[in-house]
């Protein structure tokens, strides 16, 4: 009768047992990826939208290796996400209630709230203008770029974490 021994069998068993709990092994990888992606979203959000860039929430842990990244900044009518508009663009906008659209040109002009009367200090042509429509805009497509970078990082870091465990 022949017998044999396998070198490293106990280590292999421990590694396989950890891989059964793969979400626990990879939780640190996903946590770092979530923090890095949030930082990239803040820096890549177009600069004229400071409030939108500041609207990115700190990653919320929903479970093992499960993080939520969100930005809840919306338009003044609370119907559309500003991040989606910046990322994908928008179609031509026409006035709904008024005869003309109010279009701010300066930060002072942007400070007027929707529906509020135009303050006395605002200068037509410098702070704001009126238009019959607003042209469609093309998106910046920054979310897909960051998602690709993050998924590449997760793939490579996951392989390293599994090899180390």
C-alpha atoms as a PDB file:
ATOM      1  CA  UNK A   1       0.000   0.000   0.000  1.00  0.00           C
ATOM      2  CA  UNK A   2       1.317   3.439  -0.932  1.00  0.00           C
ATOM      3  CA  UNK A   3       0.832   6.629   1.019  1.00  0.00           C
ATOM      4  CA  UNK A   4       1.665  10.185   0.223  1.00  0.00           C
ATOM      5  CA  UNK A   5       1.636  13.596   1.869  1.00  0.00           C
ATOM      6  CA  UNK A   6       0.702  16.895   0.307  1.00  0.00           C
ATOM      7  CA  UNK A   7       2.874  19.801   1.310  1.00  0.00           C
ATOM      8  CA  UNK A   8       0.817  22.891   2.183  1.00  0.00           C
ATOM      9  CA  UNK A   9      -2.509  21.040   2.402  1.00  0.00           C
ATOM     10  CA  UNK A  10      -3.473  22.780   5.642  1.00  0.00           C
ATOM     11  CA  UNK A  11      -2.670  26.192   4.154  1.00  0.00           C
ATOM     12  CA  UNK A  12      -4.731  25.332   1.082  1.00  0.00           C
ATOM     13  CA  UNK A  13      -7.665  24.295   3.275  1.00  0.00           C
ATOM     14  CA  UNK A  14      -7.461  27.577   5.220  1.00  0.00           C
ATOM     15  CA  UNK A  15      -7.380  29.549   1.948  1.00  0.00           C
ATOM     16  CA  UNK A  16     -10.376  27.654   0.560  1.00  0.00           C
ATOM     17  CA  UNK A  17     -12.264  28.263   3.816  1.00  0.00           C
ATOM     18  CA  UNK A  18     -11.573  32.015   3.490  1.00  0.00           C
ATOM     19  CA  UNK A  19     -12.676  31.962  -0.125  1.00  0.00           C
ATOM     20  CA  UNK A  20     -15.998  30.512   1.063  1.00  0.00           C
ATOM     21  CA  UNK A  21     -16.392  33.861   2.832  1.00  0.00           C
ATOM     22  CA  UNK A  22     -15.142  35.819  -0.188  1.00  0.00           C
ATOM     23  CA  UNK A  23     -17.216  38.881   0.680  1.00  0.00           C
ATOM     24  CA  UNK A  24     -15.369  39.163   4.018  1.00  0.00           C
ATOM     25  CA  UNK A  25     -12.012  38.806   2.273  1.00  0.00           C
ATOM     26  CA  UNK A  26     -12.839  41.465  -0.328  1.00  0.00           C
ATOM     27  CA  UNK A  27     -14.654  43.939   1.950  1.00  0.00           C
ATOM     28  CA  UNK A  28     -11.535  46.087   2.430  1.00  0.00           C
ATOM     29  CA  UNK A  29     -10.991  46.178  -1.353  1.00  0.00           C
ATOM     30  CA  UNK A  30     -14.544  47.367  -1.968  1.00  0.00           C
ATOM     31  CA  UNK A  31     -14.332  49.937   0.851  1.00  0.00           C
ATOM     32  CA  UNK A  32     -11.204  51.489  -0.635  1.00  0.00           C
ATOM     33  CA  UNK A  33     -12.668  51.410  -4.145  1.00  0.00           C
ATOM     34  CA  UNK A  34     -15.801  53.194  -2.885  1.00  0.00           C
ATOM     35  CA  UNK A  35     -13.761  55.930  -1.161  1.00  0.00           C
ATOM     36  CA  UNK A  36     -11.524  56.420  -4.200  1.00  0.00           C
ATOM     37  CA  UNK A  37     -14.495  56.512  -6.596  1.00  0.00           C
ATOM     38  CA  UNK A  38     -16.252  59.131  -4.452  1.00  0.00           C
ATOM     39  CA  UNK A  39     -13.109  61.266  -4.451  1.00  0.00           C
ATOM     40  CA  UNK A  40     -12.881  60.950  -8.251  1.00  0.00           C
ATOM     41  CA  UNK A  41     -16.579  61.805  -8.672  1.00  0.00           C
ATOM     42  CA  UNK A  42     -16.070  64.986  -6.633  1.00  0.00           C
ATOM     43  CA  UNK A  43     -13.051  66.081  -8.669  1.00  0.00           C
ATOM     44  CA  UNK A  44     -14.474  65.072 -12.076  1.00  0.00           C
ATOM     45  CA  UNK A  45     -17.881  66.752 -11.631  1.00  0.00           C
ATOM     46  CA  UNK A  46     -17.824  69.875 -13.864  1.00  0.00           C
ATOM     47  CA  UNK A  47     -16.464  72.882 -11.978  1.00  0.00           C
ATOM     48  CA  UNK A  48     -19.300  75.368 -12.559  1.00  0.00           C
ATOM     49  CA  UNK A  49     -21.499  73.147 -10.382  1.00  0.00           C
ATOM     50  CA  UNK A  50     -19.950  73.468  -6.926  1.00  0.00           C
ATOM     51  CA  UNK A  51     -23.103  72.456  -5.095  1.00  0.00           C
ATOM     52  CA  UNK A  52     -23.413  69.322  -7.237  1.00  0.00           C
ATOM     53  CA  UNK A  53     -19.773  68.355  -6.664  1.00  0.00           C
ATOM     54  CA  UNK A  54     -20.250  68.836  -2.920  1.00  0.00           C
ATOM     55  CA  UNK A  55     -23.437  66.732  -3.084  1.00  0.00           C
ATOM     56  CA  UNK A  56     -21.586  63.405  -3.325  1.00  0.00           C
ATOM     57  CA  UNK A  57     -22.283  61.467  -0.140  1.00  0.00           C
ATOM     58  CA  UNK A  58     -19.651  59.506   1.749  1.00  0.00           C
ATOM     59  CA  UNK A  59     -19.972  55.815   0.714  1.00  0.00           C
ATOM     60  CA  UNK A  60     -22.721  54.074   2.687  1.00  0.00           C
ATOM     61  CA  UNK A  61     -22.022  50.468   3.659  1.00  0.00           C
ATOM     62  CA  UNK A  62     -25.120  48.356   3.001  1.00  0.00           C
ATOM     63  CA  UNK A  63     -23.503  45.005   3.733  1.00  0.00           C
ATOM     64  CA  UNK A  64     -20.310  43.027   3.196  1.00  0.00           C
ATOM     65  CA  UNK A  65     -18.616  44.252   0.019  1.00  0.00           C
ATOM     66  CA  UNK A  66     -21.689  46.364  -0.784  1.00  0.00           C
ATOM     67  CA  UNK A  67     -21.345  50.160  -0.815  1.00  0.00           C
ATOM     68  CA  UNK A  68     -23.702  52.850  -2.102  1.00  0.00           C
ATOM     69  CA  UNK A  69     -22.341  55.972  -3.814  1.00  0.00           C
ATOM     70  CA  UNK A  70     -24.952  58.651  -4.379  1.00  0.00           C
ATOM     71  CA  UNK A  71     -25.509  62.294  -5.205  1.00  0.00           C
ATOM     72  CA  UNK A  72     -29.013  63.511  -4.427  1.00  0.00           C
ATOM     73  CA  UNK A  73     -28.644  67.005  -5.931  1.00  0.00           C
ATOM     74  CA  UNK A  74     -31.675  67.724  -8.123  1.00  0.00           C
ATOM     75  CA  UNK A  75     -33.048  70.527 -10.249  1.00  0.00           C
ATOM     76  CA  UNK A  76     -35.183  73.198  -8.591  1.00  0.00           C
ATOM     77  CA  UNK A  77     -38.371  71.328  -9.504  1.00  0.00           C
ATOM     78  CA  UNK A  78     -36.953  68.178  -7.781  1.00  0.00           C
ATOM     79  CA  UNK A  79     -37.693  66.056 -10.867  1.00  0.00           C
ATOM     80  CA  UNK A  80     -34.252  65.538 -12.434  1.00  0.00           C
ATOM     81  CA  UNK A  81     -30.845  64.566 -11.087  1.00  0.00           C
ATOM     82  CA  UNK A  82     -28.211  67.199 -11.883  1.00  0.00           C
ATOM     83  CA  UNK A  83     -25.493  64.553 -12.008  1.00  0.00           C
ATOM     84  CA  UNK A  84     -27.360  62.674 -14.750  1.00  0.00           C
ATOM     85  CA  UNK A  85     -27.811  65.902 -16.731  1.00  0.00           C
ATOM     86  CA  UNK A  86     -24.095  66.698 -16.416  1.00  0.00           C
ATOM     87  CA  UNK A  87     -23.143  63.148 -17.348  1.00  0.00           C
ATOM     88  CA  UNK A  88     -25.574  62.418 -20.199  1.00  0.00           C
ATOM     89  CA  UNK A  89     -26.575  65.899 -21.337  1.00  0.00           C
ATOM     90  CA  UNK A  90     -30.096  67.190 -21.927  1.00  0.00           C
ATOM     91  CA  UNK A  91     -32.443  68.078 -24.749  1.00  0.00           C
ATOM     92  CA  UNK A  92     -33.557  71.586 -25.750  1.00  0.00           C
ATOM     93  CA  UNK A  93     -35.471  73.338 -22.968  1.00  0.00           C
ATOM     94  CA  UNK A  94     -38.477  75.587 -23.669  1.00  0.00           C
ATOM     95  CA  UNK A  95     -40.310  77.790 -21.149  1.00  0.00           C
ATOM     96  CA  UNK A  96     -43.322  76.157 -19.510  1.00  0.00           C
ATOM     97  CA  UNK A  97     -45.005  78.920 -17.510  1.00  0.00           C
ATOM     98  CA  UNK A  98     -43.315  82.169 -18.575  1.00  0.00           C
ATOM     99  CA  UNK A  99     -42.819  83.526 -22.093  1.00  0.00           C
ATOM    100  CA  UNK A 100     -39.019  83.446 -21.814  1.00  0.00           C
ATOM    101  CA  UNK A 101     -36.404  81.395 -19.958  1.00  0.00           C
ATOM    102  CA  UNK A 102     -34.273  83.125 -17.335  1.00  0.00           C
ATOM    103  CA  UNK A 103     -30.647  82.256 -18.074  1.00  0.00           C
ATOM    104  CA  UNK A 104     -28.029  83.338 -15.503  1.00  0.00           C
ATOM    105  CA  UNK A 105     -24.674  84.525 -16.816  1.00  0.00           C
ATOM    106  CA  UNK A 106     -22.828  85.242 -13.564  1.00  0.00           C
ATOM    107  CA  UNK A 107     -22.697  83.718 -10.100  1.00  0.00           C
ATOM    108  CA  UNK A 108     -24.806  86.635  -8.924  1.00  0.00           C
ATOM    109  CA  UNK A 109     -27.418  85.691 -11.547  1.00  0.00           C
ATOM    110  CA  UNK A 110     -27.299  82.057 -10.415  1.00  0.00           C
ATOM    111  CA  UNK A 111     -28.152  83.078  -6.863  1.00  0.00           C
ATOM    112  CA  UNK A 112     -31.769  83.895  -7.807  1.00  0.00           C
ATOM    113  CA  UNK A 113     -34.126  81.144  -6.722  1.00  0.00           C
ATOM    114  CA  UNK A 114     -36.586  79.643  -9.193  1.00  0.00           C
ATOM    115  CA  UNK A 115     -39.821  81.612  -9.320  1.00  0.00           C
ATOM    116  CA  UNK A 116     -38.462  84.541  -7.309  1.00  0.00           C
ATOM    117  CA  UNK A 117     -38.602  88.036  -8.833  1.00  0.00           C
ATOM    118  CA  UNK A 118     -35.376  89.452 -10.259  1.00  0.00           C
ATOM    119  CA  UNK A 119     -33.609  91.493  -7.535  1.00  0.00           C
ATOM    120  CA  UNK A 120     -33.002  95.198  -8.168  1.00  0.00           C
ATOM    121  CA  UNK A 121     -29.194  94.882  -8.284  1.00  0.00           C
ATOM    122  CA  UNK A 122     -29.129  92.443 -11.208  1.00  0.00           C
ATOM    123  CA  UNK A 123     -28.016  93.833 -14.592  1.00  0.00           C
ATOM    124  CA  UNK A 124     -29.619  92.502 -17.790  1.00  0.00           C
ATOM    125  CA  UNK A 125     -26.917  91.215 -20.173  1.00  0.00           C
ATOM    126  CA  UNK A 126     -24.320  90.940 -17.419  1.00  0.00           C
ATOM    127  CA  UNK A 127     -25.982  88.851 -14.704  1.00  0.00           C
ATOM    128  CA  UNK A 128     -28.827  87.293 -16.728  1.00  0.00           C
ATOM    129  CA  UNK A 129     -30.643  87.207 -20.074  1.00  0.00           C
ATOM    130  CA  UNK A 130     -34.013  85.963 -21.319  1.00  0.00           C
ATOM    131  CA  UNK A 131     -34.287  83.431 -24.151  1.00  0.00           C
ATOM    132  CA  UNK A 132     -37.025  81.610 -26.068  1.00  0.00           C
ATOM    133  CA  UNK A 133     -35.196  78.309 -25.580  1.00  0.00           C
ATOM    134  CA  UNK A 134     -32.007  76.818 -24.215  1.00  0.00           C
ATOM    135  CA  UNK A 135     -29.954  74.658 -26.574  1.00  0.00           C
ATOM    136  CA  UNK A 136     -29.415  70.974 -25.905  1.00  0.00           C
ATOM    137  CA  UNK A 137     -26.157  70.167 -24.152  1.00  0.00           C
ATOM    138  CA  UNK A 138     -23.808  67.249 -24.585  1.00  0.00           C
ATOM    139  CA  UNK A 139     -22.872  65.310 -21.464  1.00  0.00           C
ATOM    140  CA  UNK A 140     -19.367  64.962 -20.027  1.00  0.00           C
ATOM    141  CA  UNK A 141     -19.671  61.143 -19.627  1.00  0.00           C
ATOM    142  CA  UNK A 142     -17.481  61.166 -16.531  1.00  0.00           C
ATOM    143  CA  UNK A 143     -19.419  58.499 -14.609  1.00  0.00           C
ATOM    144  CA  UNK A 144     -18.687  55.649 -17.069  1.00  0.00           C
ATOM    145  CA  UNK A 145     -14.997  56.585 -17.118  1.00  0.00           C
ATOM    146  CA  UNK A 146     -14.758  56.417 -13.327  1.00  0.00           C
ATOM    147  CA  UNK A 147     -16.790  53.186 -13.222  1.00  0.00           C
ATOM    148  CA  UNK A 148     -14.339  51.534 -15.652  1.00  0.00           C
ATOM    149  CA  UNK A 149     -11.332  52.686 -13.613  1.00  0.00           C
ATOM    150  CA  UNK A 150     -12.931  51.452 -10.392  1.00  0.00           C
ATOM    151  CA  UNK A 151     -13.869  48.061 -11.826  1.00  0.00           C
ATOM    152  CA  UNK A 152     -10.298  47.583 -13.067  1.00  0.00           C
ATOM    153  CA  UNK A 153      -8.981  48.451  -9.619  1.00  0.00           C
ATOM    154  CA  UNK A 154     -11.434  46.056  -7.934  1.00  0.00           C
ATOM    155  CA  UNK A 155     -10.454  43.218 -10.268  1.00  0.00           C
ATOM    156  CA  UNK A 156      -6.707  43.645  -9.700  1.00  0.00           C
ATOM    157  CA  UNK A 157      -6.974  44.271  -5.941  1.00  0.00           C
ATOM    158  CA  UNK A 158      -9.328  41.284  -5.538  1.00  0.00           C
ATOM    159  CA  UNK A 159      -6.772  38.982  -7.135  1.00  0.00           C
ATOM    160  CA  UNK A 160      -4.094  40.323  -4.797  1.00  0.00           C
ATOM    161  CA  UNK A 161      -6.339  39.945  -1.726  1.00  0.00           C
ATOM    162  CA  UNK A 162      -7.180  36.345  -2.624  1.00  0.00           C
ATOM    163  CA  UNK A 163      -3.507  35.546  -3.199  1.00  0.00           C
ATOM    164  CA  UNK A 164      -2.554  37.074   0.191  1.00  0.00           C
ATOM    165  CA  UNK A 165      -5.304  35.312   2.134  1.00  0.00           C
END
